[in-house]
Amino acid sequence: MNEYLTALKDVLVVLSPIIVAYISYRSNKKSKEDIRLEIEKSLKEKDAETYQIIQKINAELESQKQLATWNSSLPQTDEYTKLAGIERYGNICSLTQLVNSINCYIDGNNLSLEELHEVKTLLSKIVLPIEEDKLYTYEVTYIIDYNRLNRKIDRMINDLQSTN
């Protein structure tokens, strides 16, 4: 009987690690669903990383594109500035902002006749190439907007004078 217990003990000593390993393996084994979910999660994370990298690349490309456009326009701007002169260039390039500001100011405030005359006088002091024999292509639309503003002010002055 002693031999029987010794043999049983030897079998248990050999089998117990195998049984423990098998039970551990079975309890840690992942199902197909668990594996699929992990793969989907990993793919979503990789997609998000890829999207962020693509966004950074697109932003850099747009920045490079704007820089290239700006650099290619510099020689033209410099040439125009040399031909037209610094004062003429500055006055023409500032017209859009000036016209927009004055239009907003006039539309947002109920100006009196005196104030409209003052705006008209101030505008007339701006040196523009209106009387020049030649205009540069850049200047035409700016001058059209400037003239339109002057006509608008003239109409407002006439309207106020006719009501008084």
N, C-alpha and C. Protein backbone atom coordinates (compact mmCIF):
# COMPACT_ATOMS: atom_id res chain seq x y z
N MET A 1 0.81 -1.17 0.00
CA MET A 1 0.00 0.00 0.00
C MET A 1 0.87 1.26 0.00
N ASN A 2 1.97 1.12 0.66
CA ASN A 2 2.89 2.22 0.70
C ASN A 2 3.41 2.53 -0.70
N GLU A 3 3.62 1.50 -1.47
CA GLU A 3 4.08 1.70 -2.83
C GLU A 3 2.99 2.36 -3.66
N TYR A 4 1.76 1.96 -3.39
CA TYR A 4 0.63 2.55 -4.10
C TYR A 4 0.54 4.04 -3.83
N LEU A 5 0.69 4.46 -2.56
CA LEU A 5 0.64 5.88 -2.19
C LEU A 5 1.82 6.63 -2.78
N THR A 6 2.95 6.00 -2.81
CA THR A 6 4.13 6.64 -3.38
C THR A 6 3.92 6.85 -4.88
N ALA A 7 3.36 5.84 -5.55
CA ALA A 7 3.11 5.96 -6.97
C ALA A 7 2.07 7.05 -7.25
N LEU A 8 1.02 7.09 -6.41
CA LEU A 8 -0.01 8.13 -6.56
C LEU A 8 0.59 9.51 -6.32
N LYS A 9 1.44 9.59 -5.33
CA LYS A 9 2.09 10.85 -5.01
C LYS A 9 2.97 11.27 -6.18
N ASP A 10 3.70 10.35 -6.79
CA ASP A 10 4.56 10.67 -7.92
C ASP A 10 3.74 11.15 -9.13
N VAL A 11 2.59 10.46 -9.33
CA VAL A 11 1.72 10.87 -10.43
C VAL A 11 1.17 12.27 -10.19
N LEU A 12 0.75 12.55 -8.97
CA LEU A 12 0.21 13.88 -8.64
C LEU A 12 1.28 14.96 -8.76
N VAL A 13 2.50 14.63 -8.38
CA VAL A 13 3.59 15.60 -8.49
C VAL A 13 3.82 15.95 -9.96
N VAL A 14 3.70 14.98 -10.81
CA VAL A 14 3.91 15.21 -12.24
C VAL A 14 2.68 15.88 -12.86
N LEU A 15 1.48 15.40 -12.51
CA LEU A 15 0.27 15.91 -13.13
C LEU A 15 -0.18 17.28 -12.61
N SER A 16 0.07 17.59 -11.36
CA SER A 16 -0.44 18.84 -10.79
C SER A 16 0.06 20.08 -11.54
N PRO A 17 1.33 20.20 -11.92
CA PRO A 17 1.71 21.37 -12.71
C PRO A 17 1.03 21.39 -14.08
N ILE A 18 0.82 20.22 -14.65
CA ILE A 18 0.15 20.15 -15.95
C ILE A 18 -1.30 20.59 -15.80
N ILE A 19 -1.96 20.12 -14.76
CA ILE A 19 -3.37 20.50 -14.51
C ILE A 19 -3.47 21.99 -14.23
N VAL A 20 -2.57 22.52 -13.41
CA VAL A 20 -2.58 23.96 -13.09
C VAL A 20 -2.32 24.77 -14.36
N ALA A 21 -1.39 24.32 -15.18
CA ALA A 21 -1.09 25.03 -16.42
C ALA A 21 -2.29 24.99 -17.37
N TYR A 22 -2.94 23.84 -17.45
CA TYR A 22 -4.11 23.71 -18.32
C TYR A 22 -5.25 24.61 -17.84
N ILE A 23 -5.51 24.61 -16.53
CA ILE A 23 -6.58 25.46 -15.97
C ILE A 23 -6.24 26.94 -16.20
N SER A 24 -4.99 27.29 -15.99
CA SER A 24 -4.56 28.68 -16.20
C SER A 24 -4.72 29.07 -17.67
N TYR A 25 -4.34 28.15 -18.57
CA TYR A 25 -4.47 28.40 -20.00
C TYR A 25 -5.93 28.60 -20.39
N ARG A 26 -6.80 27.76 -19.89
CA ARG A 26 -8.22 27.86 -20.22
C ARG A 26 -8.84 29.14 -19.67
N SER A 27 -8.42 29.55 -18.47
CA SER A 27 -9.01 30.76 -17.88
C SER A 27 -8.50 32.03 -18.56
N ASN A 28 -7.29 31.99 -19.14
CA ASN A 28 -6.72 33.17 -19.80
C ASN A 28 -6.98 33.18 -21.30
N LYS A 29 -7.52 32.16 -21.81
CA LYS A 29 -7.77 32.06 -23.24
C LYS A 29 -8.84 33.09 -23.64
N LYS A 30 -8.54 33.83 -24.72
CA LYS A 30 -9.46 34.86 -25.18
C LYS A 30 -10.40 34.26 -26.22
N SER A 31 -11.61 34.79 -26.19
CA SER A 31 -12.58 34.33 -27.18
C SER A 31 -12.34 35.07 -28.50
N LYS A 32 -12.93 34.57 -29.56
CA LYS A 32 -12.82 35.22 -30.86
C LYS A 32 -13.35 36.66 -30.79
N GLU A 33 -14.41 36.87 -30.03
CA GLU A 33 -15.01 38.21 -29.89
C GLU A 33 -14.04 39.16 -29.21
N ASP A 34 -13.36 38.67 -28.14
CA ASP A 34 -12.38 39.52 -27.44
C ASP A 34 -11.24 39.92 -28.37
N ILE A 35 -10.78 38.96 -29.16
CA ILE A 35 -9.69 39.24 -30.10
C ILE A 35 -10.16 40.23 -31.17
N ARG A 36 -11.36 40.05 -31.69
CA ARG A 36 -11.90 40.96 -32.69
C ARG A 36 -12.02 42.39 -32.14
N LEU A 37 -12.51 42.50 -30.90
CA LEU A 37 -12.65 43.83 -30.28
C LEU A 37 -11.29 44.49 -30.09
N GLU A 38 -10.29 43.72 -29.68
CA GLU A 38 -8.95 44.28 -29.51
C GLU A 38 -8.38 44.75 -30.85
N ILE A 39 -8.59 43.96 -31.89
CA ILE A 39 -8.12 44.34 -33.22
C ILE A 39 -8.82 45.61 -33.69
N GLU A 40 -10.13 45.70 -33.51
CA GLU A 40 -10.87 46.91 -33.91
C GLU A 40 -10.38 48.13 -33.15
N LYS A 41 -10.15 47.97 -31.86
CA LYS A 41 -9.66 49.08 -31.04
C LYS A 41 -8.28 49.53 -31.54
N SER A 42 -7.42 48.57 -31.80
CA SER A 42 -6.08 48.89 -32.30
C SER A 42 -6.16 49.59 -33.65
N LEU A 43 -7.03 49.12 -34.54
CA LEU A 43 -7.18 49.74 -35.85
C LEU A 43 -7.71 51.17 -35.74
N LYS A 44 -8.67 51.38 -34.85
CA LYS A 44 -9.21 52.73 -34.66
C LYS A 44 -8.13 53.68 -34.15
N GLU A 45 -7.30 53.21 -33.22
CA GLU A 45 -6.21 54.04 -32.70
C GLU A 45 -5.22 54.38 -33.81
N LYS A 46 -4.89 53.39 -34.63
CA LYS A 46 -3.96 53.62 -35.75
C LYS A 46 -4.57 54.58 -36.77
N ASP A 47 -5.87 54.43 -37.04
CA ASP A 47 -6.56 55.34 -37.96
C ASP A 47 -6.53 56.77 -37.45
N ALA A 48 -6.76 56.93 -36.14
CA ALA A 48 -6.74 58.27 -35.54
C ALA A 48 -5.34 58.87 -35.64
N GLU A 49 -4.32 58.07 -35.38
CA GLU A 49 -2.94 58.56 -35.50
C GLU A 49 -2.63 58.94 -36.94
N THR A 50 -3.05 58.11 -37.88
CA THR A 50 -2.82 58.39 -39.29
C THR A 50 -3.54 59.67 -39.71
N TYR A 51 -4.78 59.86 -39.25
CA TYR A 51 -5.55 61.06 -39.58
C TYR A 51 -4.83 62.30 -39.05
N GLN A 52 -4.32 62.23 -37.82
CA GLN A 52 -3.60 63.37 -37.25
C GLN A 52 -2.35 63.69 -38.06
N ILE A 53 -1.64 62.65 -38.48
CA ILE A 53 -0.43 62.87 -39.27
C ILE A 53 -0.80 63.50 -40.61
N ILE A 54 -1.88 63.02 -41.23
CA ILE A 54 -2.32 63.58 -42.51
C ILE A 54 -2.73 65.04 -42.34
N GLN A 55 -3.42 65.36 -41.23
CA GLN A 55 -3.81 66.76 -40.97
C GLN A 55 -2.58 67.64 -40.83
N LYS A 56 -1.57 67.15 -40.12
CA LYS A 56 -0.33 67.93 -39.96
C LYS A 56 0.35 68.13 -41.30
N ILE A 57 0.38 67.09 -42.12
CA ILE A 57 1.00 67.20 -43.44
C ILE A 57 0.23 68.19 -44.31
N ASN A 58 -1.10 68.12 -44.29
CA ASN A 58 -1.92 69.06 -45.07
C ASN A 58 -1.71 70.49 -44.62
N ALA A 59 -1.63 70.70 -43.29
CA ALA A 59 -1.39 72.05 -42.78
C ALA A 59 -0.02 72.56 -43.23
N GLU A 60 0.97 71.70 -43.19
CA GLU A 60 2.30 72.09 -43.63
C GLU A 60 2.32 72.39 -45.13
N LEU A 61 1.61 71.57 -45.92
CA LEU A 61 1.54 71.81 -47.36
C LEU A 61 0.85 73.13 -47.66
N GLU A 62 -0.23 73.43 -46.95
CA GLU A 62 -0.94 74.70 -47.14
C GLU A 62 -0.04 75.87 -46.78
N SER A 63 0.70 75.71 -45.69
CA SER A 63 1.62 76.76 -45.27
C SER A 63 2.70 76.97 -46.33
N GLN A 64 3.25 75.88 -46.85
CA GLN A 64 4.26 75.98 -47.90
C GLN A 64 3.69 76.62 -49.16
N LYS A 65 2.43 76.27 -49.48
CA LYS A 65 1.78 76.83 -50.66
C LYS A 65 1.61 78.35 -50.51
N GLN A 66 1.16 78.79 -49.32
CA GLN A 66 0.99 80.22 -49.09
C GLN A 66 2.33 80.94 -49.14
N LEU A 67 3.35 80.31 -48.57
CA LEU A 67 4.68 80.90 -48.59
C LEU A 67 5.20 81.03 -50.02
N ALA A 68 4.99 79.99 -50.83
CA ALA A 68 5.42 80.03 -52.22
C ALA A 68 4.68 81.12 -52.99
N THR A 69 3.36 81.24 -52.74
CA THR A 69 2.57 82.28 -53.40
C THR A 69 3.07 83.66 -53.00
N TRP A 70 3.31 83.82 -51.72
CA TRP A 70 3.80 85.11 -51.22
C TRP A 70 5.17 85.43 -51.82
N ASN A 71 6.05 84.42 -51.84
CA ASN A 71 7.39 84.64 -52.39
C ASN A 71 7.35 84.95 -53.89
N SER A 72 6.42 84.31 -54.61
CA SER A 72 6.34 84.58 -56.04
C SER A 72 5.73 85.96 -56.31
N SER A 73 4.92 86.46 -55.38
CA SER A 73 4.32 87.78 -55.60
C SER A 73 5.26 88.91 -55.18
N LEU A 74 6.25 88.59 -54.36
CA LEU A 74 7.18 89.64 -53.92
C LEU A 74 7.88 90.36 -55.08
N PRO A 75 8.42 89.63 -56.06
CA PRO A 75 9.06 90.36 -57.15
C PRO A 75 8.09 91.28 -57.90
N GLN A 76 6.85 90.83 -58.10
CA GLN A 76 5.86 91.67 -58.77
C GLN A 76 5.54 92.90 -57.93
N THR A 77 5.37 92.70 -56.63
CA THR A 77 5.07 93.82 -55.73
C THR A 77 6.23 94.80 -55.71
N ASP A 78 7.45 94.26 -55.62
CA ASP A 78 8.63 95.13 -55.61
C ASP A 78 8.74 95.92 -56.91
N GLU A 79 8.48 95.24 -58.02
CA GLU A 79 8.54 95.90 -59.32
C GLU A 79 7.49 97.01 -59.42
N TYR A 80 6.27 96.70 -58.96
CA TYR A 80 5.19 97.70 -58.96
C TYR A 80 5.55 98.88 -58.07
N THR A 81 6.11 98.58 -56.90
CA THR A 81 6.50 99.65 -55.98
C THR A 81 7.56 100.54 -56.62
N LYS A 82 8.51 99.93 -57.31
CA LYS A 82 9.56 100.73 -57.97
C LYS A 82 8.95 101.60 -59.07
N LEU A 83 8.08 100.99 -59.88
CA LEU A 83 7.48 101.73 -60.99
C LEU A 83 6.53 102.82 -60.50
N ALA A 84 5.68 102.48 -59.56
CA ALA A 84 4.63 103.41 -59.14
C ALA A 84 5.14 104.41 -58.10
N GLY A 85 6.07 104.02 -57.30
CA GLY A 85 6.54 104.86 -56.22
C GLY A 85 5.92 104.41 -54.91
N ILE A 86 6.64 104.61 -53.84
CA ILE A 86 6.20 104.11 -52.53
C ILE A 86 4.90 104.76 -52.08
N GLU A 87 4.78 106.09 -52.26
CA GLU A 87 3.56 106.78 -51.82
C GLU A 87 2.34 106.29 -52.61
N ARG A 88 2.47 106.20 -53.91
CA ARG A 88 1.35 105.75 -54.74
C ARG A 88 0.98 104.32 -54.38
N TYR A 89 1.96 103.47 -54.25
CA TYR A 89 1.70 102.07 -53.88
C TYR A 89 0.99 101.98 -52.53
N GLY A 90 1.50 102.72 -51.55
CA GLY A 90 0.88 102.71 -50.22
C GLY A 90 -0.54 103.23 -50.22
N ASN A 91 -0.77 104.31 -50.96
CA ASN A 91 -2.12 104.87 -51.02
C ASN A 91 -3.09 103.92 -51.70
N ILE A 92 -2.68 103.32 -52.80
CA ILE A 92 -3.56 102.41 -53.53
C ILE A 92 -3.85 101.16 -52.68
N CYS A 93 -2.81 100.56 -52.11
CA CYS A 93 -3.00 99.31 -51.34
C CYS A 93 -3.82 99.53 -50.07
N SER A 94 -3.83 100.74 -49.56
CA SER A 94 -4.60 101.03 -48.35
C SER A 94 -6.05 101.40 -48.64
N LEU A 95 -6.39 101.60 -49.91
CA LEU A 95 -7.73 102.06 -50.26
C LEU A 95 -8.84 101.10 -49.85
N THR A 96 -8.64 99.81 -50.04
CA THR A 96 -9.71 98.85 -49.73
C THR A 96 -10.10 98.94 -48.27
N GLN A 97 -9.11 98.92 -47.40
CA GLN A 97 -9.41 99.00 -45.97
C GLN A 97 -10.04 100.35 -45.62
N LEU A 98 -9.54 101.42 -46.22
CA LEU A 98 -10.09 102.75 -45.96
C LEU A 98 -11.54 102.85 -46.43
N VAL A 99 -11.81 102.41 -47.65
CA VAL A 99 -13.16 102.48 -48.20
C VAL A 99 -14.12 101.64 -47.35
N ASN A 100 -13.70 100.43 -46.99
CA ASN A 100 -14.56 99.57 -46.15
C ASN A 100 -14.82 100.20 -44.79
N SER A 101 -13.78 100.77 -44.18
CA SER A 101 -13.96 101.42 -42.87
C SER A 101 -14.91 102.60 -42.95
N ILE A 102 -14.74 103.43 -43.96
CA ILE A 102 -15.60 104.60 -44.10
C ILE A 102 -17.04 104.18 -44.39
N ASN A 103 -17.22 103.20 -45.28
CA ASN A 103 -18.57 102.69 -45.55
C ASN A 103 -19.24 102.19 -44.27
N CYS A 104 -18.51 101.41 -43.48
CA CYS A 104 -19.07 100.91 -42.21
C CYS A 104 -19.39 102.06 -41.26
N TYR A 105 -18.51 103.05 -41.22
CA TYR A 105 -18.73 104.19 -40.33
C TYR A 105 -19.96 104.98 -40.76
N ILE A 106 -20.08 105.22 -42.06
CA ILE A 106 -21.23 105.98 -42.56
C ILE A 106 -22.52 105.20 -42.33
N ASP A 107 -22.49 103.90 -42.62
CA ASP A 107 -23.69 103.08 -42.46
C ASP A 107 -24.08 102.91 -40.99
N GLY A 108 -23.09 102.93 -40.10
CA GLY A 108 -23.38 102.71 -38.69
C GLY A 108 -23.71 103.96 -37.91
N ASN A 109 -23.47 105.12 -38.50
CA ASN A 109 -23.72 106.38 -37.80
C ASN A 109 -24.60 107.27 -38.68
N ASN A 110 -25.43 108.02 -38.05
CA ASN A 110 -26.28 108.97 -38.77
C ASN A 110 -25.51 110.29 -38.84
N LEU A 111 -24.73 110.45 -39.91
CA LEU A 111 -23.85 111.62 -40.00
C LEU A 111 -24.63 112.86 -40.42
N SER A 112 -24.21 113.96 -39.86
CA SER A 112 -24.82 115.23 -40.23
C SER A 112 -24.20 115.72 -41.54
N LEU A 113 -24.79 116.77 -42.08
CA LEU A 113 -24.30 117.36 -43.32
C LEU A 113 -22.85 117.82 -43.15
N GLU A 114 -22.58 118.44 -42.02
CA GLU A 114 -21.22 118.92 -41.74
C GLU A 114 -20.22 117.76 -41.68
N GLU A 115 -20.63 116.67 -41.05
CA GLU A 115 -19.73 115.51 -40.94
C GLU A 115 -19.48 114.88 -42.31
N LEU A 116 -20.51 114.83 -43.14
CA LEU A 116 -20.34 114.29 -44.49
C LEU A 116 -19.39 115.16 -45.31
N HIS A 117 -19.50 116.47 -45.18
CA HIS A 117 -18.57 117.38 -45.87
C HIS A 117 -17.15 117.15 -45.37
N GLU A 118 -17.02 116.93 -44.08
CA GLU A 118 -15.69 116.69 -43.50
C GLU A 118 -15.08 115.39 -44.07
N VAL A 119 -15.88 114.33 -44.16
CA VAL A 119 -15.40 113.07 -44.74
C VAL A 119 -14.99 113.29 -46.18
N LYS A 120 -15.81 114.03 -46.92
CA LYS A 120 -15.53 114.31 -48.33
C LYS A 120 -14.22 115.10 -48.47
N THR A 121 -14.00 116.07 -47.60
CA THR A 121 -12.77 116.87 -47.63
C THR A 121 -11.56 116.00 -47.32
N LEU A 122 -11.68 115.15 -46.32
CA LEU A 122 -10.57 114.27 -45.96
C LEU A 122 -10.24 113.31 -47.10
N LEU A 123 -11.25 112.79 -47.74
CA LEU A 123 -11.01 111.88 -48.87
C LEU A 123 -10.32 112.59 -50.03
N SER A 124 -10.68 113.85 -50.23
CA SER A 124 -10.09 114.60 -51.36
C SER A 124 -8.60 114.88 -51.14
N LYS A 125 -8.13 114.76 -49.91
CA LYS A 125 -6.72 115.04 -49.62
C LYS A 125 -5.82 113.83 -49.89
N ILE A 126 -6.42 112.68 -50.19
CA ILE A 126 -5.63 111.49 -50.48
C ILE A 126 -5.08 111.61 -51.90
N VAL A 127 -3.78 111.39 -52.03
CA VAL A 127 -3.12 111.50 -53.33
C VAL A 127 -3.27 110.17 -54.06
N LEU A 128 -4.05 110.20 -55.14
CA LEU A 128 -4.28 109.01 -55.95
C LEU A 128 -3.94 109.32 -57.40
N PRO A 129 -3.62 108.30 -58.17
CA PRO A 129 -3.24 108.53 -59.58
C PRO A 129 -4.44 108.70 -60.50
N ILE A 130 -5.52 109.29 -60.00
CA ILE A 130 -6.73 109.44 -60.80
C ILE A 130 -6.49 110.32 -62.02
N GLU A 131 -5.68 111.33 -61.87
CA GLU A 131 -5.43 112.26 -62.98
C GLU A 131 -4.26 111.82 -63.86
N GLU A 132 -3.62 110.72 -63.53
CA GLU A 132 -2.46 110.24 -64.29
C GLU A 132 -2.89 109.75 -65.67
N ASP A 133 -1.95 109.77 -66.61
CA ASP A 133 -2.22 109.24 -67.95
C ASP A 133 -2.26 107.72 -67.95
N LYS A 134 -1.51 107.11 -67.04
CA LYS A 134 -1.44 105.66 -67.00
C LYS A 134 -1.83 105.15 -65.62
N LEU A 135 -2.52 104.03 -65.62
CA LEU A 135 -2.81 103.33 -64.37
C LEU A 135 -2.25 101.92 -64.47
N TYR A 136 -1.87 101.37 -63.34
CA TYR A 136 -1.44 99.98 -63.30
C TYR A 136 -2.68 99.11 -63.06
N THR A 137 -2.63 97.89 -63.53
CA THR A 137 -3.80 97.02 -63.44
C THR A 137 -4.25 96.82 -62.00
N TYR A 138 -3.33 96.83 -61.07
CA TYR A 138 -3.68 96.65 -59.66
C TYR A 138 -4.56 97.77 -59.14
N GLU A 139 -4.44 98.94 -59.75
CA GLU A 139 -5.07 100.13 -59.19
C GLU A 139 -6.53 100.32 -59.59
N VAL A 140 -6.95 99.72 -60.67
CA VAL A 140 -8.27 100.02 -61.24
C VAL A 140 -9.40 99.73 -60.27
N THR A 141 -9.46 98.53 -59.72
CA THR A 141 -10.58 98.18 -58.84
C THR A 141 -10.56 99.01 -57.56
N TYR A 142 -9.37 99.31 -57.07
CA TYR A 142 -9.28 100.15 -55.87
C TYR A 142 -9.86 101.54 -56.13
N ILE A 143 -9.53 102.09 -57.27
CA ILE A 143 -10.01 103.44 -57.62
C ILE A 143 -11.52 103.42 -57.88
N ILE A 144 -12.02 102.36 -58.50
CA ILE A 144 -13.47 102.25 -58.72
C ILE A 144 -14.21 102.28 -57.38
N ASP A 145 -13.72 101.50 -56.40
CA ASP A 145 -14.36 101.50 -55.07
C ASP A 145 -14.26 102.87 -54.40
N TYR A 146 -13.13 103.52 -54.56
CA TYR A 146 -12.94 104.86 -53.99
C TYR A 146 -13.92 105.85 -54.61
N ASN A 147 -14.06 105.79 -55.93
CA ASN A 147 -14.99 106.70 -56.63
C ASN A 147 -16.44 106.40 -56.23
N ARG A 148 -16.76 105.13 -56.08
CA ARG A 148 -18.12 104.74 -55.65
C ARG A 148 -18.42 105.33 -54.26
N LEU A 149 -17.44 105.29 -53.37
CA LEU A 149 -17.62 105.87 -52.03
C LEU A 149 -17.85 107.37 -52.14
N ASN A 150 -17.08 108.04 -52.98
CA ASN A 150 -17.26 109.48 -53.16
C ASN A 150 -18.65 109.81 -53.69
N ARG A 151 -19.13 109.01 -54.65
CA ARG A 151 -20.48 109.24 -55.19
C ARG A 151 -21.54 109.00 -54.11
N LYS A 152 -21.34 108.01 -53.29
CA LYS A 152 -22.28 107.72 -52.20
C LYS A 152 -22.34 108.90 -51.24
N ILE A 153 -21.20 109.44 -50.91
CA ILE A 153 -21.17 110.60 -50.00
C ILE A 153 -21.83 111.80 -50.66
N ASP A 154 -21.57 112.01 -51.94
CA ASP A 154 -22.21 113.11 -52.67
C ASP A 154 -23.73 112.97 -52.65
N ARG A 155 -24.23 111.77 -52.88
CA ARG A 155 -25.69 111.53 -52.84
C ARG A 155 -26.25 111.83 -51.44
N MET A 156 -25.53 111.39 -50.43
CA MET A 156 -26.00 111.64 -49.06
C MET A 156 -26.03 113.14 -48.76
N ILE A 157 -25.00 113.84 -49.23
CA ILE A 157 -24.96 115.30 -49.03
C ILE A 157 -26.13 115.95 -49.76
N ASN A 158 -26.34 115.56 -51.00
CA ASN A 158 -27.46 116.12 -51.78
C ASN A 158 -28.80 115.82 -51.13
N ASP A 159 -28.98 114.60 -50.63
CA ASP A 159 -30.23 114.22 -49.96
C ASP A 159 -30.46 115.07 -48.72
N LEU A 160 -29.41 115.27 -47.94
CA LEU A 160 -29.54 116.07 -46.72
C LEU A 160 -29.81 117.56 -47.06
N GLN A 161 -29.17 118.06 -48.09
CA GLN A 161 -29.38 119.45 -48.49
C GLN A 161 -30.78 119.67 -49.04
N SER A 162 -31.30 118.67 -49.74
CA SER A 162 -32.64 118.84 -50.32
C SER A 162 -33.73 118.72 -49.24
N THR A 163 -33.47 118.01 -48.16
CA THR A 163 -34.46 117.92 -47.08
C THR A 163 -34.41 119.12 -46.16
N ASN A 164 -33.33 119.85 -46.19
CA ASN A 164 -33.21 121.04 -45.31
C ASN A 164 -33.72 122.26 -45.98
